[in-house]
Amino acid sequence: MRTALIIAVLTLVGACASTPAPRYYTLDMRSSGAVNPPVNIEIGRITASEQLTRPDILVKPTPWEVEYYATDRWAAALEELVREKLEAEFGPNQASQPCLQLSGRVLAFEQVDSDHGPQAHVKLDLAFHCAGSGVNEEPVMEKVYEVWAEAGEPAPSSVVQTLSTSLETIAAQIAEDCATLVQEGKINEN
C-alpha cells in the first residue's frame, strides 16, 4: 500500500512538472502618436462578449469552432486592456475641447486561422454620448468598428502585436468620426 502511494505521488509530481508555465500577454500601451482627436474622448463602460471573458487568447480555427491557446493568456481582463489602449491612443484631455464619452462592447478580439495564415480580428460596437448627458439619452453616434489584419507568424506574440496595432487603427477611425461630428455640430461645447 505504501509503495502504491509513493508511486501515485511521484506520478502526480511528474505530471505537474511537465505542464508548461502559462505565458501572459498585454497590448502595447504606448500611444502610436497617430491619433489626434478634435475632442476629449473619455472611455466609459467597456464589456466583452461571453467567449472573450476568459483569460485565454481566443483562436477560431474554422468559422464554426472556438479554441483557446493552452498556456497563452491575457495579463488582465480584456475589457481593461482595450480601455487602457484606447486611453493611451486618445491621450490626455485638453481644456479647450468638448468631451465625448465612449462606451460599448468588444465583439471580437481573436486569432482567426485561414488558408493564408493567421489573422487578427477586432470588432467593437461603440456608442458616443456628449459628456454630461444622461445614460438614457440618445447617443450622438453608434457604430461598429472592425479590423482584419494579417498576423504574420502563427504565434500568440505575433497575433497579440497585430491585435494591438488593429486597436490603433480603430482609434484613428474613431478620431476621424469625431472630427465629422464636430463639423456637423453634433457635439456640445464644454
N, C-alpha and C. Protein backbone atom coordinates (compact mmCIF):
# COMPACT_ATOMS: atom_id res chain seq x y z
N MET A 1 0.83 -1.19 0.00
CA MET A 1 0.00 0.00 0.00
C MET A 1 0.87 1.25 0.00
N ARG A 2 1.91 1.24 0.84
CA ARG A 2 2.80 2.40 0.94
C ARG A 2 3.53 2.63 -0.38
N THR A 3 3.95 1.58 -1.05
CA THR A 3 4.64 1.70 -2.33
C THR A 3 3.71 2.29 -3.38
N ALA A 4 2.45 1.85 -3.39
CA ALA A 4 1.47 2.37 -4.34
C ALA A 4 1.24 3.86 -4.11
N LEU A 5 1.19 4.28 -2.85
CA LEU A 5 1.00 5.70 -2.53
C LEU A 5 2.20 6.53 -2.99
N ILE A 6 3.39 6.03 -2.79
CA ILE A 6 4.60 6.74 -3.22
C ILE A 6 4.63 6.86 -4.74
N ILE A 7 4.27 5.79 -5.43
CA ILE A 7 4.23 5.82 -6.90
C ILE A 7 3.19 6.83 -7.38
N ALA A 8 2.02 6.87 -6.74
CA ALA A 8 0.97 7.81 -7.12
C ALA A 8 1.43 9.25 -6.92
N VAL A 9 2.08 9.53 -5.80
CA VAL A 9 2.58 10.88 -5.52
C VAL A 9 3.65 11.27 -6.53
N LEU A 10 4.58 10.38 -6.83
CA LEU A 10 5.63 10.67 -7.80
C LEU A 10 5.06 10.89 -9.20
N THR A 11 4.04 10.13 -9.55
CA THR A 11 3.39 10.31 -10.85
C THR A 11 2.72 11.67 -10.93
N LEU A 12 2.04 12.06 -9.86
CA LEU A 12 1.37 13.36 -9.81
C LEU A 12 2.39 14.50 -9.89
N VAL A 13 3.47 14.38 -9.14
CA VAL A 13 4.52 15.40 -9.17
C VAL A 13 5.15 15.47 -10.57
N GLY A 14 5.38 14.33 -11.19
CA GLY A 14 5.94 14.31 -12.54
C GLY A 14 5.01 14.94 -13.55
N ALA A 15 3.71 14.72 -13.41
CA ALA A 15 2.73 15.31 -14.33
C ALA A 15 2.70 16.83 -14.16
N CYS A 16 2.77 17.30 -12.92
CA CYS A 16 2.77 18.75 -12.67
C CYS A 16 4.04 19.39 -13.20
N ALA A 17 5.14 18.72 -13.09
CA ALA A 17 6.41 19.27 -13.55
C ALA A 17 6.46 19.39 -15.06
N SER A 18 5.70 18.57 -15.78
CA SER A 18 5.75 18.61 -17.23
C SER A 18 4.75 19.61 -17.82
N THR A 19 3.86 20.19 -17.03
CA THR A 19 2.91 21.17 -17.51
C THR A 19 3.64 22.49 -17.74
N PRO A 20 3.59 23.03 -18.96
CA PRO A 20 4.29 24.29 -19.21
C PRO A 20 3.66 25.44 -18.44
N ALA A 21 4.49 26.35 -18.03
CA ALA A 21 4.01 27.53 -17.31
C ALA A 21 3.25 28.43 -18.28
N PRO A 22 2.20 29.10 -17.78
CA PRO A 22 1.47 29.99 -18.67
C PRO A 22 2.32 31.21 -19.05
N ARG A 23 2.05 31.73 -20.25
CA ARG A 23 2.68 32.96 -20.72
C ARG A 23 1.58 34.02 -20.75
N TYR A 24 1.91 35.21 -20.27
CA TYR A 24 0.92 36.28 -20.18
C TYR A 24 1.26 37.38 -21.17
N TYR A 25 0.21 37.94 -21.77
CA TYR A 25 0.37 38.98 -22.79
C TYR A 25 -0.48 40.19 -22.43
N THR A 26 -0.01 41.33 -22.88
CA THR A 26 -0.76 42.57 -22.78
C THR A 26 -0.63 43.29 -24.12
N LEU A 27 -1.36 44.35 -24.29
CA LEU A 27 -1.25 45.16 -25.50
C LEU A 27 -0.13 46.17 -25.32
N ASP A 28 0.35 46.72 -26.41
CA ASP A 28 1.35 47.77 -26.36
C ASP A 28 0.63 49.04 -25.91
N MET A 29 0.86 49.45 -24.67
CA MET A 29 0.13 50.58 -24.10
C MET A 29 0.75 51.94 -24.42
N ARG A 30 1.76 51.94 -25.26
CA ARG A 30 2.31 53.22 -25.71
C ARG A 30 1.41 53.78 -26.81
N SER A 31 1.26 55.08 -26.83
CA SER A 31 0.49 55.72 -27.89
C SER A 31 1.24 55.60 -29.21
N SER A 32 0.50 55.36 -30.27
CA SER A 32 1.11 55.30 -31.60
C SER A 32 1.49 56.70 -32.07
N GLY A 33 0.87 57.71 -31.48
CA GLY A 33 1.11 59.09 -31.89
C GLY A 33 0.39 59.47 -33.17
N ALA A 34 -0.39 58.57 -33.71
CA ALA A 34 -1.09 58.80 -34.98
C ALA A 34 -2.51 59.33 -34.78
N VAL A 35 -2.98 59.39 -33.54
CA VAL A 35 -4.36 59.77 -33.28
C VAL A 35 -4.38 61.14 -32.61
N ASN A 36 -5.13 62.06 -33.21
CA ASN A 36 -5.27 63.40 -32.65
C ASN A 36 -6.74 63.82 -32.74
N PRO A 37 -7.57 63.32 -31.83
CA PRO A 37 -9.00 63.63 -31.93
C PRO A 37 -9.27 65.11 -31.63
N PRO A 38 -10.28 65.69 -32.29
CA PRO A 38 -10.63 67.09 -32.06
C PRO A 38 -11.49 67.28 -30.82
N VAL A 39 -11.70 66.20 -30.08
CA VAL A 39 -12.48 66.23 -28.84
C VAL A 39 -11.76 65.40 -27.79
N ASN A 40 -12.12 65.63 -26.55
CA ASN A 40 -11.65 64.74 -25.48
C ASN A 40 -12.52 63.50 -25.52
N ILE A 41 -11.91 62.35 -25.53
CA ILE A 41 -12.68 61.10 -25.55
C ILE A 41 -12.43 60.38 -24.23
N GLU A 42 -13.48 60.29 -23.45
CA GLU A 42 -13.41 59.57 -22.18
C GLU A 42 -14.00 58.19 -22.39
N ILE A 43 -13.34 57.18 -21.88
CA ILE A 43 -13.80 55.81 -22.05
C ILE A 43 -14.71 55.44 -20.88
N GLY A 44 -15.94 55.14 -21.20
CA GLY A 44 -16.90 54.69 -20.19
C GLY A 44 -16.84 53.19 -20.04
N ARG A 45 -17.98 52.58 -19.89
CA ARG A 45 -18.05 51.14 -19.65
C ARG A 45 -17.76 50.36 -20.93
N ILE A 46 -16.82 49.45 -20.83
CA ILE A 46 -16.49 48.52 -21.93
C ILE A 46 -16.75 47.11 -21.40
N THR A 47 -17.53 46.34 -22.14
CA THR A 47 -17.77 44.95 -21.78
C THR A 47 -17.26 44.07 -22.92
N ALA A 48 -17.26 42.78 -22.70
CA ALA A 48 -16.81 41.84 -23.73
C ALA A 48 -17.85 40.74 -23.91
N SER A 49 -17.93 40.23 -25.12
CA SER A 49 -18.84 39.10 -25.36
C SER A 49 -18.38 37.91 -24.52
N GLU A 50 -19.28 37.02 -24.25
CA GLU A 50 -19.05 35.91 -23.33
C GLU A 50 -17.79 35.11 -23.65
N GLN A 51 -17.55 34.81 -24.91
CA GLN A 51 -16.38 33.98 -25.27
C GLN A 51 -15.07 34.70 -25.03
N LEU A 52 -15.10 36.02 -24.80
CA LEU A 52 -13.88 36.79 -24.56
C LEU A 52 -13.65 37.08 -23.09
N THR A 53 -14.49 36.57 -22.21
CA THR A 53 -14.32 36.85 -20.78
C THR A 53 -13.31 35.93 -20.11
N ARG A 54 -12.88 34.90 -20.81
CA ARG A 54 -11.82 34.02 -20.28
C ARG A 54 -10.47 34.72 -20.40
N PRO A 55 -9.51 34.35 -19.56
CA PRO A 55 -8.19 34.97 -19.68
C PRO A 55 -7.38 34.41 -20.86
N ASP A 56 -7.82 33.31 -21.44
CA ASP A 56 -7.09 32.66 -22.54
C ASP A 56 -7.32 33.41 -23.86
N ILE A 57 -6.31 33.42 -24.72
CA ILE A 57 -6.41 34.07 -26.03
C ILE A 57 -7.22 33.18 -26.96
N LEU A 58 -8.25 33.75 -27.57
CA LEU A 58 -9.20 33.02 -28.40
C LEU A 58 -8.65 32.79 -29.80
N VAL A 59 -8.88 31.59 -30.32
CA VAL A 59 -8.50 31.21 -31.68
C VAL A 59 -9.71 30.58 -32.36
N LYS A 60 -9.96 30.98 -33.60
CA LYS A 60 -11.01 30.35 -34.40
C LYS A 60 -10.32 29.61 -35.55
N PRO A 61 -10.16 28.28 -35.42
CA PRO A 61 -9.53 27.51 -36.49
C PRO A 61 -10.43 27.39 -37.72
N THR A 62 -11.74 27.46 -37.52
CA THR A 62 -12.73 27.45 -38.60
C THR A 62 -13.83 28.45 -38.20
N PRO A 63 -14.69 28.82 -39.12
CA PRO A 63 -15.75 29.77 -38.77
C PRO A 63 -16.71 29.25 -37.69
N TRP A 64 -16.76 27.95 -37.47
CA TRP A 64 -17.72 27.39 -36.51
C TRP A 64 -17.07 26.78 -35.27
N GLU A 65 -15.75 26.88 -35.15
CA GLU A 65 -15.05 26.34 -33.98
C GLU A 65 -14.38 27.45 -33.18
N VAL A 66 -14.38 27.28 -31.87
CA VAL A 66 -13.69 28.20 -30.97
C VAL A 66 -12.74 27.40 -30.10
N GLU A 67 -11.49 27.83 -30.08
CA GLU A 67 -10.48 27.22 -29.22
C GLU A 67 -9.75 28.33 -28.48
N TYR A 68 -8.95 27.94 -27.53
CA TYR A 68 -8.13 28.90 -26.79
C TYR A 68 -6.71 28.35 -26.72
N TYR A 69 -5.72 29.23 -26.74
CA TYR A 69 -4.36 28.78 -26.52
C TYR A 69 -4.29 28.16 -25.13
N ALA A 70 -3.57 27.06 -25.02
CA ALA A 70 -3.50 26.32 -23.76
C ALA A 70 -2.73 27.06 -22.67
N THR A 71 -1.67 27.74 -23.02
CA THR A 71 -0.85 28.38 -21.99
C THR A 71 -0.66 29.88 -22.22
N ASP A 72 -1.30 30.45 -23.24
CA ASP A 72 -1.13 31.87 -23.56
C ASP A 72 -2.38 32.63 -23.12
N ARG A 73 -2.16 33.58 -22.21
CA ARG A 73 -3.29 34.26 -21.58
C ARG A 73 -3.09 35.78 -21.57
N TRP A 74 -4.21 36.48 -21.40
CA TRP A 74 -4.16 37.92 -21.19
C TRP A 74 -3.71 38.19 -19.76
N ALA A 75 -2.92 39.22 -19.57
CA ALA A 75 -2.41 39.58 -18.25
C ALA A 75 -3.48 40.24 -17.38
N ALA A 76 -4.55 40.71 -18.00
CA ALA A 76 -5.66 41.34 -17.28
C ALA A 76 -6.93 41.05 -18.07
N ALA A 77 -8.06 41.46 -17.53
CA ALA A 77 -9.32 41.28 -18.25
C ALA A 77 -9.24 42.03 -19.58
N LEU A 78 -9.73 41.43 -20.63
CA LEU A 78 -9.64 42.00 -21.97
C LEU A 78 -10.28 43.39 -22.02
N GLU A 79 -11.39 43.58 -21.33
CA GLU A 79 -12.05 44.89 -21.31
C GLU A 79 -11.12 45.97 -20.77
N GLU A 80 -10.35 45.63 -19.74
CA GLU A 80 -9.41 46.58 -19.15
C GLU A 80 -8.28 46.89 -20.13
N LEU A 81 -7.77 45.89 -20.80
CA LEU A 81 -6.69 46.10 -21.76
C LEU A 81 -7.14 46.99 -22.92
N VAL A 82 -8.34 46.73 -23.45
CA VAL A 82 -8.87 47.54 -24.55
C VAL A 82 -9.07 48.98 -24.08
N ARG A 83 -9.63 49.17 -22.89
CA ARG A 83 -9.84 50.51 -22.34
C ARG A 83 -8.51 51.25 -22.22
N GLU A 84 -7.52 50.60 -21.63
CA GLU A 84 -6.23 51.25 -21.40
C GLU A 84 -5.55 51.61 -22.72
N LYS A 85 -5.63 50.73 -23.72
CA LYS A 85 -5.02 51.02 -25.02
C LYS A 85 -5.70 52.20 -25.69
N LEU A 86 -7.03 52.24 -25.66
CA LEU A 86 -7.74 53.37 -26.27
C LEU A 86 -7.42 54.67 -25.54
N GLU A 87 -7.34 54.63 -24.22
CA GLU A 87 -6.98 55.83 -23.45
C GLU A 87 -5.60 56.32 -23.84
N ALA A 88 -4.66 55.40 -24.05
CA ALA A 88 -3.31 55.78 -24.47
C ALA A 88 -3.34 56.44 -25.85
N GLU A 89 -4.16 55.92 -26.74
CA GLU A 89 -4.24 56.47 -28.09
C GLU A 89 -4.87 57.87 -28.09
N PHE A 90 -5.91 58.07 -27.29
CA PHE A 90 -6.62 59.36 -27.30
C PHE A 90 -5.89 60.43 -26.50
N GLY A 91 -5.01 60.03 -25.60
CA GLY A 91 -4.20 60.99 -24.86
C GLY A 91 -4.97 61.74 -23.79
N PRO A 92 -4.28 62.66 -23.12
CA PRO A 92 -4.91 63.42 -22.04
C PRO A 92 -5.92 64.42 -22.57
N ASN A 93 -6.87 64.79 -21.72
CA ASN A 93 -7.88 65.77 -22.08
C ASN A 93 -7.26 67.16 -22.28
N GLN A 94 -7.82 67.89 -23.22
CA GLN A 94 -7.43 69.27 -23.49
C GLN A 94 -8.57 70.17 -23.02
N ALA A 95 -8.28 71.17 -22.20
CA ALA A 95 -9.32 72.03 -21.62
C ALA A 95 -10.15 72.75 -22.68
N SER A 96 -9.59 73.02 -23.83
CA SER A 96 -10.29 73.79 -24.86
C SER A 96 -11.21 72.94 -25.76
N GLN A 97 -11.23 71.64 -25.56
CA GLN A 97 -12.00 70.77 -26.45
C GLN A 97 -13.26 70.24 -25.76
N PRO A 98 -14.32 70.02 -26.55
CA PRO A 98 -15.52 69.38 -26.00
C PRO A 98 -15.22 67.91 -25.66
N CYS A 99 -16.09 67.30 -24.87
CA CYS A 99 -15.88 65.91 -24.43
C CYS A 99 -16.95 64.98 -24.97
N LEU A 100 -16.51 63.82 -25.34
CA LEU A 100 -17.40 62.71 -25.69
C LEU A 100 -17.08 61.55 -24.78
N GLN A 101 -18.12 60.81 -24.42
CA GLN A 101 -17.89 59.59 -23.66
C GLN A 101 -18.21 58.41 -24.56
N LEU A 102 -17.27 57.49 -24.63
CA LEU A 102 -17.37 56.32 -25.48
C LEU A 102 -17.64 55.11 -24.58
N SER A 103 -18.60 54.28 -24.94
CA SER A 103 -18.84 53.03 -24.21
C SER A 103 -19.22 51.97 -25.24
N GLY A 104 -19.14 50.73 -24.85
CA GLY A 104 -19.51 49.70 -25.80
C GLY A 104 -19.09 48.31 -25.42
N ARG A 105 -18.99 47.49 -26.44
CA ARG A 105 -18.77 46.05 -26.25
C ARG A 105 -17.70 45.56 -27.23
N VAL A 106 -16.81 44.72 -26.72
CA VAL A 106 -15.82 44.05 -27.56
C VAL A 106 -16.49 42.79 -28.10
N LEU A 107 -16.73 42.75 -29.40
CA LEU A 107 -17.42 41.61 -30.01
C LEU A 107 -16.44 40.56 -30.51
N ALA A 108 -15.24 41.00 -30.93
CA ALA A 108 -14.22 40.07 -31.41
C ALA A 108 -12.86 40.63 -31.06
N PHE A 109 -11.99 39.77 -30.57
CA PHE A 109 -10.60 40.11 -30.27
C PHE A 109 -9.88 38.78 -30.27
N GLU A 110 -9.49 38.33 -31.48
CA GLU A 110 -9.14 36.93 -31.64
C GLU A 110 -8.20 36.69 -32.81
N GLN A 111 -7.66 35.49 -32.81
CA GLN A 111 -6.93 34.97 -33.97
C GLN A 111 -7.90 34.15 -34.78
N VAL A 112 -7.92 34.38 -36.09
CA VAL A 112 -8.74 33.59 -37.00
C VAL A 112 -7.79 32.93 -37.99
N ASP A 113 -7.80 31.61 -38.02
CA ASP A 113 -6.94 30.88 -38.94
C ASP A 113 -7.59 30.82 -40.31
N SER A 114 -6.77 31.05 -41.34
CA SER A 114 -7.27 30.99 -42.72
C SER A 114 -6.24 30.24 -43.57
N ASP A 115 -6.58 30.03 -44.81
CA ASP A 115 -5.66 29.35 -45.74
C ASP A 115 -4.38 30.17 -45.96
N HIS A 116 -4.45 31.46 -45.72
CA HIS A 116 -3.31 32.36 -45.93
C HIS A 116 -2.54 32.64 -44.65
N GLY A 117 -2.89 31.96 -43.57
CA GLY A 117 -2.21 32.17 -42.29
C GLY A 117 -3.13 32.84 -41.28
N PRO A 118 -2.62 33.07 -40.09
CA PRO A 118 -3.46 33.64 -39.04
C PRO A 118 -3.77 35.12 -39.29
N GLN A 119 -4.98 35.50 -38.93
CA GLN A 119 -5.40 36.89 -38.99
C GLN A 119 -5.82 37.34 -37.60
N ALA A 120 -5.60 38.61 -37.32
CA ALA A 120 -6.12 39.21 -36.10
C ALA A 120 -7.44 39.87 -36.47
N HIS A 121 -8.44 39.66 -35.63
CA HIS A 121 -9.78 40.21 -35.89
C HIS A 121 -10.22 40.96 -34.65
N VAL A 122 -10.51 42.26 -34.83
CA VAL A 122 -11.02 43.10 -33.75
C VAL A 122 -12.33 43.71 -34.21
N LYS A 123 -13.34 43.63 -33.35
CA LYS A 123 -14.65 44.21 -33.66
C LYS A 123 -15.21 44.83 -32.39
N LEU A 124 -15.49 46.14 -32.45
CA LEU A 124 -16.03 46.88 -31.30
C LEU A 124 -17.35 47.52 -31.69
N ASP A 125 -18.35 47.38 -30.85
CA ASP A 125 -19.64 48.03 -31.02
C ASP A 125 -19.68 49.19 -30.03
N LEU A 126 -19.61 50.44 -30.53
CA LEU A 126 -19.43 51.59 -29.66
C LEU A 126 -20.57 52.60 -29.78
N ALA A 127 -20.81 53.29 -28.68
CA ALA A 127 -21.78 54.40 -28.64
C ALA A 127 -21.07 55.62 -28.08
N PHE A 128 -21.42 56.78 -28.62
CA PHE A 128 -20.80 58.04 -28.23
C PHE A 128 -21.87 58.95 -27.65
N HIS A 129 -21.62 59.46 -26.44
CA HIS A 129 -22.52 60.41 -25.78
C HIS A 129 -21.75 61.68 -25.48
N CYS A 130 -22.44 62.82 -25.55
CA CYS A 130 -21.82 64.07 -25.12
C CYS A 130 -21.61 63.98 -23.61
N ALA A 131 -20.48 64.49 -23.14
CA ALA A 131 -20.20 64.48 -21.71
C ALA A 131 -21.30 65.24 -20.99
N GLY A 132 -21.74 64.70 -19.88
CA GLY A 132 -22.79 65.33 -19.09
C GLY A 132 -24.19 64.91 -19.49
N SER A 133 -24.33 64.22 -20.60
CA SER A 133 -25.66 63.75 -20.99
C SER A 133 -26.00 62.52 -20.15
N GLY A 134 -27.26 62.26 -19.98
CA GLY A 134 -27.70 61.12 -19.19
C GLY A 134 -27.48 59.81 -19.92
N VAL A 135 -27.39 58.76 -19.14
CA VAL A 135 -27.17 57.42 -19.71
C VAL A 135 -28.32 57.02 -20.63
N ASN A 136 -29.52 57.49 -20.33
CA ASN A 136 -30.69 57.11 -21.11
C ASN A 136 -30.89 57.98 -22.35
N GLU A 137 -30.09 59.03 -22.50
CA GLU A 137 -30.21 59.89 -23.68
C GLU A 137 -29.67 59.19 -24.92
N GLU A 138 -30.21 59.58 -26.04
CA GLU A 138 -29.79 59.02 -27.33
C GLU A 138 -28.32 59.37 -27.60
N PRO A 139 -27.51 58.41 -28.01
CA PRO A 139 -26.11 58.74 -28.33
C PRO A 139 -26.03 59.61 -29.58
N VAL A 140 -24.96 60.39 -29.68
CA VAL A 140 -24.77 61.20 -30.89
C VAL A 140 -24.32 60.33 -32.05
N MET A 141 -23.77 59.17 -31.73
CA MET A 141 -23.37 58.24 -32.78
C MET A 141 -23.23 56.84 -32.19
N GLU A 142 -23.60 55.84 -32.97
CA GLU A 142 -23.34 54.43 -32.66
C GLU A 142 -22.72 53.82 -33.90
N LYS A 143 -21.68 53.03 -33.69
CA LYS A 143 -21.01 52.45 -34.85
C LYS A 143 -20.26 51.19 -34.45
N VAL A 144 -20.19 50.25 -35.38
CA VAL A 144 -19.39 49.04 -35.20
C VAL A 144 -18.10 49.25 -35.99
N TYR A 145 -16.97 49.11 -35.30
CA TYR A 145 -15.65 49.22 -35.91
C TYR A 145 -15.06 47.82 -36.02
N GLU A 146 -14.50 47.52 -37.18
CA GLU A 146 -13.95 46.17 -37.38
C GLU A 146 -12.68 46.24 -38.21
N VAL A 147 -11.67 45.51 -37.76
CA VAL A 147 -10.39 45.43 -38.48
C VAL A 147 -9.97 43.97 -38.57
N TRP A 148 -9.57 43.58 -39.78
CA TRP A 148 -8.95 42.28 -40.05
C TRP A 148 -7.53 42.59 -40.50
N ALA A 149 -6.54 41.91 -39.94
CA ALA A 149 -5.15 42.16 -40.34
C ALA A 149 -4.36 40.85 -40.31
N GLU A 150 -3.47 40.70 -41.28
CA GLU A 150 -2.59 39.53 -41.32
C GLU A 150 -1.69 39.55 -40.09
N ALA A 151 -1.61 38.42 -39.39
CA ALA A 151 -0.83 38.35 -38.16
C ALA A 151 0.59 37.86 -38.38
N GLY A 152 0.94 37.53 -39.59
CA GLY A 152 2.31 37.05 -39.84
C GLY A 152 2.46 35.62 -39.37
N GLU A 153 3.25 35.43 -38.35
CA GLU A 153 3.51 34.09 -37.82
C GLU A 153 2.30 33.52 -37.07
N PRO A 154 2.13 32.21 -37.08
CA PRO A 154 1.07 31.60 -36.28
C PRO A 154 1.53 31.43 -34.83
N ALA A 155 1.85 32.54 -34.19
CA ALA A 155 2.33 32.52 -32.81
C ALA A 155 1.55 33.56 -32.01
N PRO A 156 1.25 33.26 -30.75
CA PRO A 156 0.48 34.21 -29.94
C PRO A 156 1.11 35.61 -29.89
N SER A 157 2.43 35.71 -29.79
CA SER A 157 3.06 37.02 -29.70
C SER A 157 2.81 37.85 -30.96
N SER A 158 2.83 37.22 -32.11
CA SER A 158 2.57 37.92 -33.37
C SER A 158 1.11 38.35 -33.46
N VAL A 159 0.21 37.49 -33.03
CA VAL A 159 -1.22 37.81 -33.06
C VAL A 159 -1.52 38.95 -32.09
N VAL A 160 -0.95 38.90 -30.89
CA VAL A 160 -1.20 39.96 -29.90
C VAL A 160 -0.67 41.30 -30.42
N GLN A 161 0.49 41.30 -31.03
CA GLN A 161 1.04 42.54 -31.59
C GLN A 161 0.10 43.09 -32.66
N THR A 162 -0.44 42.24 -33.50
CA THR A 162 -1.35 42.67 -34.56
C THR A 162 -2.69 43.14 -33.98
N LEU A 163 -3.17 42.50 -32.93
CA LEU A 163 -4.39 42.96 -32.27
C LEU A 163 -4.18 44.37 -31.71
N SER A 164 -3.01 44.62 -31.15
CA SER A 164 -2.69 45.93 -30.59
C SER A 164 -2.68 47.00 -31.67
N THR A 165 -2.03 46.73 -32.79
CA THR A 165 -2.00 47.72 -33.88
C THR A 165 -3.38 47.87 -34.53
N SER A 166 -4.18 46.83 -34.49
CA SER A 166 -5.56 46.93 -35.00
C SER A 166 -6.38 47.89 -34.15
N LEU A 167 -6.16 47.88 -32.84
CA LEU A 167 -6.84 48.85 -31.98
C LEU A 167 -6.39 50.27 -32.29
N GLU A 168 -5.12 50.44 -32.64
CA GLU A 168 -4.63 51.76 -33.05
C GLU A 168 -5.36 52.23 -34.31
N THR A 169 -5.59 51.32 -35.24
CA THR A 169 -6.34 51.65 -36.46
C THR A 169 -7.75 52.08 -36.12
N ILE A 170 -8.40 51.35 -35.21
CA ILE A 170 -9.76 51.70 -34.81
C ILE A 170 -9.77 53.06 -34.10
N ALA A 171 -8.78 53.33 -33.25
CA ALA A 171 -8.71 54.63 -32.57
C ALA A 171 -8.60 55.76 -33.59
N ALA A 172 -7.84 55.57 -34.65
CA ALA A 172 -7.73 56.59 -35.71
C ALA A 172 -9.06 56.78 -36.42
N GLN A 173 -9.79 55.69 -36.66
CA GLN A 173 -11.11 55.79 -37.29
C GLN A 173 -12.09 56.53 -36.37
N ILE A 174 -12.01 56.27 -35.07
CA ILE A 174 -12.86 56.97 -34.11
C ILE A 174 -12.56 58.47 -34.14
N ALA A 175 -11.28 58.84 -34.16
CA ALA A 175 -10.90 60.25 -34.21
C ALA A 175 -11.46 60.93 -35.47
N GLU A 176 -11.40 60.24 -36.61
CA GLU A 176 -11.97 60.78 -37.85
C GLU A 176 -13.47 60.97 -37.73
N ASP A 177 -14.16 60.01 -37.14
CA ASP A 177 -15.60 60.12 -36.96
C ASP A 177 -15.95 61.27 -36.01
N CYS A 178 -15.12 61.47 -34.98
CA CYS A 178 -15.34 62.59 -34.05
C CYS A 178 -15.16 63.92 -34.76
N ALA A 179 -14.20 64.01 -35.67
CA ALA A 179 -13.99 65.23 -36.45
C ALA A 179 -15.24 65.53 -37.29
N THR A 180 -15.84 64.49 -37.85
CA THR A 180 -17.07 64.67 -38.63
C THR A 180 -18.20 65.16 -37.72
N LEU A 181 -18.32 64.61 -36.52
CA LEU A 181 -19.35 65.05 -35.58
C LEU A 181 -19.18 66.52 -35.21
N VAL A 182 -17.93 66.95 -35.04
CA VAL A 182 -17.66 68.36 -34.73
C VAL A 182 -18.07 69.22 -35.91
N GLN A 183 -17.69 68.82 -37.13
CA GLN A 183 -18.06 69.60 -38.33
C GLN A 183 -19.56 69.71 -38.50
N GLU A 184 -20.28 68.64 -38.14
CA GLU A 184 -21.74 68.63 -38.29
C GLU A 184 -22.43 69.32 -37.11
N GLY A 185 -21.67 69.76 -36.12
CA GLY A 185 -22.25 70.46 -34.97
C GLY A 185 -23.03 69.56 -34.02
N LYS A 186 -22.70 68.28 -33.98
CA LYS A 186 -23.43 67.32 -33.13
C LYS A 186 -22.83 67.17 -31.73
N ILE A 187 -21.72 67.88 -31.48
CA ILE A 187 -21.07 67.78 -30.17
C ILE A 187 -21.19 69.11 -29.46
N ASN A 188 -21.68 69.06 -28.21
CA ASN A 188 -21.82 70.26 -27.40
C ASN A 188 -20.47 70.77 -26.96
N GLU A 189 -20.30 72.07 -26.92
CA GLU A 189 -19.07 72.65 -26.39
C GLU A 189 -19.06 72.50 -24.88
N ASN A 190 -17.85 72.58 -24.29
CA ASN A 190 -17.71 72.46 -22.82
C ASN A 190 -18.57 73.50 -22.13
